[in-house]
PDB file of N, CA and C in Angstrom:
ATOM      1  N   MET A   1      38.297  -0.946  67.516  1.00  0.00           N
ATOM      2  CA  MET A   1      39.550  -0.227  67.589  1.00  0.00           C
ATOM      3  C   MET A   1      39.316   1.182  67.062  1.00  0.00           C
ATOM      4  N   TYR A   2      39.716   2.160  67.822  1.00  0.00           N
ATOM      5  CA  TYR A   2      39.533   3.545  67.432  1.00  0.00           C
ATOM      6  C   TYR A   2      40.901   4.196  67.333  1.00  0.00           C
ATOM      7  N   GLY A   3      41.227   4.768  66.224  1.00  0.00           N
ATOM      8  CA  GLY A   3      42.536   5.405  66.071  1.00  0.00           C
ATOM      9  C   GLY A   3      42.758   5.865  64.658  1.00  0.00           C
ATOM     10  N   MET A   4      43.981   6.300  64.398  1.00  0.00           N
ATOM     11  CA  MET A   4      44.319   6.801  63.067  1.00  0.00           C
ATOM     12  C   MET A   4      45.425   5.966  62.452  1.00  0.00           C
ATOM     13  N   ARG A   5      45.272   5.716  61.158  1.00  0.00           N
ATOM     14  CA  ARG A   5      46.369   5.159  60.391  1.00  0.00           C
ATOM     15  C   ARG A   5      47.117   6.343  59.811  1.00  0.00           C
ATOM     16  N   ALA A   6      48.322   6.135  59.357  1.00  0.00           N
ATOM     17  CA  ALA A   6      49.151   7.232  58.844  1.00  0.00           C
ATOM     18  C   ALA A   6      48.473   7.977  57.694  1.00  0.00           C
ATOM     19  N   GLN A   7      47.733   7.278  56.858  1.00  0.00           N
ATOM     20  CA  GLN A   7      47.128   7.925  55.688  1.00  0.00           C
ATOM     21  C   GLN A   7      45.747   8.522  55.966  1.00  0.00           C
ATOM     22  N   ASP A   8      45.226   8.361  57.178  1.00  0.00           N
ATOM     23  CA  ASP A   8      43.904   8.886  57.519  1.00  0.00           C
ATOM     24  C   ASP A   8      43.960  10.368  57.855  1.00  0.00           C
ATOM     25  N   ASN A   9      42.904  11.085  57.472  1.00  0.00           N
ATOM     26  CA  ASN A   9      42.800  12.505  57.791  1.00  0.00           C
ATOM     27  C   ASN A   9      42.240  12.743  59.189  1.00  0.00           C
ATOM     28  N   ALA A  10      41.440  11.828  59.683  1.00  0.00           N
ATOM     29  CA  ALA A  10      40.806  11.985  60.994  1.00  0.00           C
ATOM     30  C   ALA A  10      40.652  10.619  61.642  1.00  0.00           C
ATOM     31  N   PRO A  11      40.557  10.588  62.982  1.00  0.00           N
ATOM     32  CA  PRO A  11      40.350   9.292  63.647  1.00  0.00           C
ATOM     33  C   PRO A  11      39.067   8.618  63.160  1.00  0.00           C
ATOM     34  N   ALA A  12      39.104   7.313  63.114  1.00  0.00           N
ATOM     35  CA  ALA A  12      37.937   6.550  62.661  1.00  0.00           C
ATOM     36  C   ALA A  12      37.983   5.173  63.302  1.00  0.00           C
ATOM     37  N   THR A  13      36.898   4.467  63.203  1.00  0.00           N
ATOM     38  CA  THR A  13      36.837   3.106  63.714  1.00  0.00           C
ATOM     39  C   THR A  13      37.274   2.154  62.610  1.00  0.00           C
ATOM     40  N   HIS A  14      38.216   1.286  62.934  1.00  0.00           N
ATOM     41  CA  HIS A  14      38.695   0.294  61.983  1.00  0.00           C
ATOM     42  C   HIS A  14      38.441  -1.080  62.581  1.00  0.00           C
ATOM     43  N   PHE A  15      37.835  -1.943  61.811  1.00  0.00           N
ATOM     44  CA  PHE A  15      37.507  -3.275  62.285  1.00  0.00           C
ATOM     45  C   PHE A  15      38.515  -4.272  61.743  1.00  0.00           C
ATOM     46  N   ARG A  16      39.067  -5.065  62.631  1.00  0.00           N
ATOM     47  CA  ARG A  16      39.981  -6.125  62.205  1.00  0.00           C
ATOM     48  C   ARG A  16      39.156  -7.308  61.717  1.00  0.00           C
ATOM     49  N   SER A  17      39.677  -7.984  60.749  1.00  0.00           N
ATOM     50  CA  SER A  17      38.993  -9.175  60.268  1.00  0.00           C
ATOM     51  C   SER A  17      39.944 -10.355  60.420  1.00  0.00           C
ATOM     52  N   HIS A  18      39.413 -11.528  60.255  1.00  0.00           N
ATOM     53  CA  HIS A  18      40.257 -12.715  60.301  1.00  0.00           C
ATOM     54  C   HIS A  18      41.064 -12.750  59.019  1.00  0.00           C
ATOM     55  N   ARG A  19      42.347 -12.663  59.150  1.00  0.00           N
ATOM     56  CA  ARG A  19      43.208 -12.610  57.974  1.00  0.00           C
ATOM     57  C   ARG A  19      43.714 -13.980  57.554  1.00  0.00           C
ATOM     58  N   MET A  20      43.603 -14.976  58.431  1.00  0.00           N
ATOM     59  CA  MET A  20      44.108 -16.308  58.148  1.00  0.00           C
ATOM     60  C   MET A  20      42.994 -17.156  57.535  1.00  0.00           C
ATOM     61  N   CYS A  21      43.351 -17.918  56.500  1.00  0.00           N
ATOM     62  CA  CYS A  21      42.351 -18.794  55.885  1.00  0.00           C
ATOM     63  C   CYS A  21      43.042 -20.029  55.336  1.00  0.00           C
ATOM     64  N   ARG A  22      42.249 -21.017  55.029  1.00  0.00           N
ATOM     65  CA  ARG A  22      42.760 -22.233  54.391  1.00  0.00           C
ATOM     66  C   ARG A  22      42.232 -22.296  52.967  1.00  0.00           C
ATOM     67  N   VAL A  23      43.130 -22.618  52.054  1.00  0.00           N
ATOM     68  CA  VAL A  23      42.771 -22.831  50.659  1.00  0.00           C
ATOM     69  C   VAL A  23      43.339 -24.191  50.278  1.00  0.00           C
ATOM     70  N   ASN A  24      42.467 -25.103  49.913  1.00  0.00           N
ATOM     71  CA  ASN A  24      42.881 -26.479  49.595  1.00  0.00           C
ATOM     72  C   ASN A  24      43.749 -27.070  50.700  1.00  0.00           C
ATOM     73  N   GLY A  25      43.389 -26.783  51.959  1.00  0.00           N
ATOM     74  CA  GLY A  25      44.092 -27.345  53.102  1.00  0.00           C
ATOM     75  C   GLY A  25      45.356 -26.610  53.513  1.00  0.00           C
ATOM     76  N   GLU A  26      45.769 -25.586  52.756  1.00  0.00           N
ATOM     77  CA  GLU A  26      46.987 -24.840  53.074  1.00  0.00           C
ATOM     78  C   GLU A  26      46.629 -23.489  53.696  1.00  0.00           C
ATOM     79  N   LEU A  27      47.475 -23.013  54.616  1.00  0.00           N
ATOM     80  CA  LEU A  27      47.226 -21.755  55.319  1.00  0.00           C
ATOM     81  C   LEU A  27      47.778 -20.562  54.553  1.00  0.00           C
ATOM     82  N   TYR A  28      46.966 -19.515  54.476  1.00  0.00           N
ATOM     83  CA  TYR A  28      47.324 -18.248  53.837  1.00  0.00           C
ATOM     84  C   TYR A  28      46.825 -17.108  54.716  1.00  0.00           C
ATOM     85  N   PHE A  29      47.293 -15.879  54.431  1.00  0.00           N
ATOM     86  CA  PHE A  29      46.665 -14.712  55.028  1.00  0.00           C
ATOM     87  C   PHE A  29      46.396 -13.690  53.945  1.00  0.00           C
ATOM     88  N   SER A  30      45.340 -12.926  54.142  1.00  0.00           N
ATOM     89  CA  SER A  30      44.968 -11.897  53.176  1.00  0.00           C
ATOM     90  C   SER A  30      45.418 -10.536  53.687  1.00  0.00           C
ATOM     91  N   THR A  31      45.633  -9.605  52.752  1.00  0.00           N
ATOM     92  CA  THR A  31      46.115  -8.268  53.091  1.00  0.00           C
ATOM     93  C   THR A  31      45.114  -7.209  52.652  1.00  0.00           C
ATOM     94  N   ARG A  32      45.280  -5.999  53.170  1.00  0.00           N
ATOM     95  CA  ARG A  32      44.446  -4.871  52.727  1.00  0.00           C
ATOM     96  C   ARG A  32      44.647  -4.584  51.252  1.00  0.00           C
ATOM     97  N   GLU A  33      45.814  -4.931  50.753  1.00  0.00           N
ATOM     98  CA  GLU A  33      46.127  -4.696  49.345  1.00  0.00           C
ATOM     99  C   GLU A  33      45.490  -5.765  48.456  1.00  0.00           C
ATOM    100  N   ASN A  34      44.682  -6.619  49.084  1.00  0.00           N
ATOM    101  CA  ASN A  34      43.939  -7.662  48.382  1.00  0.00           C
ATOM    102  C   ASN A  34      44.848  -8.724  47.767  1.00  0.00           C
ATOM    103  N   THR A  35      45.891  -9.095  48.511  1.00  0.00           N
ATOM    104  CA  THR A  35      46.740 -10.205  48.091  1.00  0.00           C
ATOM    105  C   THR A  35      46.552 -11.360  49.063  1.00  0.00           C
ATOM    106  N   LEU A  36      46.874 -12.541  48.620  1.00  0.00           N
ATOM    107  CA  LEU A  36      46.817 -13.737  49.450  1.00  0.00           C
ATOM    108  C   LEU A  36      48.245 -14.229  49.581  1.00  0.00           C
ATOM    109  N   GLU A  37      48.780 -14.223  50.796  1.00  0.00           N
ATOM    110  CA  GLU A  37      50.178 -14.576  51.049  1.00  0.00           C
ATOM    111  C   GLU A  37      50.262 -15.982  51.625  1.00  0.00           C
ATOM    112  N   GLY A  38      51.194 -16.776  51.134  1.00  0.00           N
ATOM    113  CA  GLY A  38      51.374 -18.123  51.645  1.00  0.00           C
ATOM    114  C   GLY A  38      51.772 -19.061  50.529  1.00  0.00           C
ATOM    115  N   PRO A  39      51.701 -20.331  50.726  1.00  0.00           N
ATOM    116  CA  PRO A  39      51.138 -21.046  51.870  1.00  0.00           C
ATOM    117  C   PRO A  39      52.154 -21.179  53.011  1.00  0.00           C
ATOM    118  N   PHE A  40      51.615 -21.424  54.199  1.00  0.00           N
ATOM    119  CA  PHE A  40      52.414 -21.614  55.406  1.00  0.00           C
ATOM    120  C   PHE A  40      52.022 -22.938  56.051  1.00  0.00           C
ATOM    121  N   ASP A  41      52.949 -23.493  56.837  1.00  0.00           N
ATOM    122  CA  ASP A  41      52.725 -24.835  57.365  1.00  0.00           C
ATOM    123  C   ASP A  41      51.974 -24.909  58.687  1.00  0.00           C
ATOM    124  N   ASN A  42      51.897 -23.779  59.441  1.00  0.00           N
ATOM    125  CA  ASN A  42      51.162 -23.819  60.705  1.00  0.00           C
ATOM    126  C   ASN A  42      50.710 -22.413  61.104  1.00  0.00           C
ATOM    127  N   PRO A  43      49.719 -22.301  61.977  1.00  0.00           N
ATOM    128  CA  PRO A  43      49.183 -20.993  62.361  1.00  0.00           C
ATOM    129  C   PRO A  43      50.218 -20.071  63.021  1.00  0.00           C
ATOM    130  N   GLU A  44      51.163 -20.638  63.763  1.00  0.00           N
ATOM    131  CA  GLU A  44      52.195 -19.815  64.400  1.00  0.00           C
ATOM    132  C   GLU A  44      53.071 -19.137  63.346  1.00  0.00           C
ATOM    133  N   ARG A  45      53.391 -19.859  62.300  1.00  0.00           N
ATOM    134  CA  ARG A  45      54.193 -19.295  61.199  1.00  0.00           C
ATOM    135  C   ARG A  45      53.406 -18.196  60.500  1.00  0.00           C
ATOM    136  N   VAL A  46      52.105 -18.419  60.300  1.00  0.00           N
ATOM    137  CA  VAL A  46      51.271 -17.390  59.679  1.00  0.00           C
ATOM    138  C   VAL A  46      51.307 -16.118  60.522  1.00  0.00           C
ATOM    139  N   ALA A  47      51.152 -16.256  61.834  1.00  0.00           N
ATOM    140  CA  ALA A  47      51.158 -15.089  62.723  1.00  0.00           C
ATOM    141  C   ALA A  47      52.482 -14.328  62.618  1.00  0.00           C
ATOM    142  N   ARG A  48      53.595 -15.045  62.566  1.00  0.00           N
ATOM    143  CA  ARG A  48      54.910 -14.391  62.418  1.00  0.00           C
ATOM    144  C   ARG A  48      55.009 -13.671  61.076  1.00  0.00           C
ATOM    145  N   GLU A  49      54.519 -14.313  60.028  1.00  0.00           N
ATOM    146  CA  GLU A  49      54.601 -13.719  58.692  1.00  0.00           C
ATOM    147  C   GLU A  49      53.670 -12.514  58.543  1.00  0.00           C
ATOM    148  N   ILE A  50      52.519 -12.549  59.210  1.00  0.00           N
ATOM    149  CA  ILE A  50      51.631 -11.381  59.201  1.00  0.00           C
ATOM    150  C   ILE A  50      52.355 -10.197  59.830  1.00  0.00           C
ATOM    151  N   GLN A  51      53.000 -10.415  60.984  1.00  0.00           N
ATOM    152  CA  GLN A  51      53.720  -9.326  61.639  1.00  0.00           C
ATOM    153  C   GLN A  51      54.877  -8.831  60.775  1.00  0.00           C
ATOM    154  N   ALA A  52      55.593  -9.734  60.121  1.00  0.00           N
ATOM    155  CA  ALA A  52      56.688  -9.341  59.227  1.00  0.00           C
ATOM    156  C   ALA A  52      56.154  -8.520  58.055  1.00  0.00           C
ATOM    157  N   TYR A  53      55.011  -8.897  57.522  1.00  0.00           N
ATOM    158  CA  TYR A  53      54.390  -8.156  56.419  1.00  0.00           C
ATOM    159  C   TYR A  53      54.012  -6.743  56.873  1.00  0.00           C
ATOM    160  N   ILE A  54      53.399  -6.646  58.049  1.00  0.00           N
ATOM    161  CA  ILE A  54      53.020  -5.335  58.595  1.00  0.00           C
ATOM    162  C   ILE A  54      54.265  -4.471  58.775  1.00  0.00           C
ATOM    163  N   ASP A  55      55.319  -5.050  59.330  1.00  0.00           N
ATOM    164  CA  ASP A  55      56.567  -4.302  59.528  1.00  0.00           C
ATOM    165  C   ASP A  55      57.128  -3.795  58.206  1.00  0.00           C
ATOM    166  N   ARG A  56      57.112  -4.638  57.164  1.00  0.00           N
ATOM    167  CA  ARG A  56      57.603  -4.219  55.842  1.00  0.00           C
ATOM    168  C   ARG A  56      56.759  -3.085  55.281  1.00  0.00           C
ATOM    169  N   MET A  57      55.444  -3.200  55.393  1.00  0.00           N
ATOM    170  CA  MET A  57      54.568  -2.158  54.857  1.00  0.00           C
ATOM    171  C   MET A  57      54.758  -0.833  55.606  1.00  0.00           C
ATOM    172  N   GLN A  58      54.942  -0.890  56.919  1.00  0.00           N
ATOM    173  CA  GLN A  58      55.171   0.326  57.684  1.00  0.00           C
ATOM    174  C   GLN A  58      56.512   0.949  57.321  1.00  0.00           C
ATOM    175  N   ALA A  59      57.530   0.132  57.085  1.00  0.00           N
ATOM    176  CA  ALA A  59      58.843   0.643  56.676  1.00  0.00           C
ATOM    177  C   ALA A  59      58.743   1.323  55.317  1.00  0.00           C
ATOM    178  N   LEU A  60      57.983   0.744  54.397  1.00  0.00           N
ATOM    179  CA  LEU A  60      57.786   1.369  53.086  1.00  0.00           C
ATOM    180  C   LEU A  60      57.083   2.709  53.217  1.00  0.00           C
ATOM    181  N   GLY A  61      56.090   2.774  54.104  1.00  0.00           N
ATOM    182  CA  GLY A  61      55.365   4.023  54.330  1.00  0.00           C
ATOM    183  C   GLY A  61      56.233   5.093  54.948  1.00  0.00           C
ATOM    184  N   ALA A  62      57.178   4.704  55.789  1.00  0.00           N
ATOM    185  CA  ALA A  62      58.074   5.662  56.441  1.00  0.00           C
ATOM    186  C   ALA A  62      59.061   6.262  55.445  1.00  0.00           C
ATOM    187  N   ARG A  63      59.343   5.561  54.355  1.00  0.00           N
ATOM    188  CA  ARG A  63      60.288   6.062  53.342  1.00  0.00           C
ATOM    189  C   ARG A  63      59.670   7.113  52.437  1.00  0.00           C
ATOM    190  N   ARG A  64      58.358   7.200  52.413  1.00  0.00           N
ATOM    191  CA  ARG A  64      57.688   8.136  51.484  1.00  0.00           C
ATOM    192  C   ARG A  64      57.727   9.535  51.988  1.00  0.00           C
TER     193      ARG A  64
END
């Protein structure tokens, strides 16, 4: 993926990683802020919550 994030000074390559993981059998996702969010009951719920988290973080960035 090639592009710019809001806080970047110049375009750069950003690599996506697998954000979903299991800890003791429960599903979580990790964030750039180095937090582990969850647990969630199924992968579809994790995907929805990842998008909700991204939306919240972008809204916070827009307020600054």
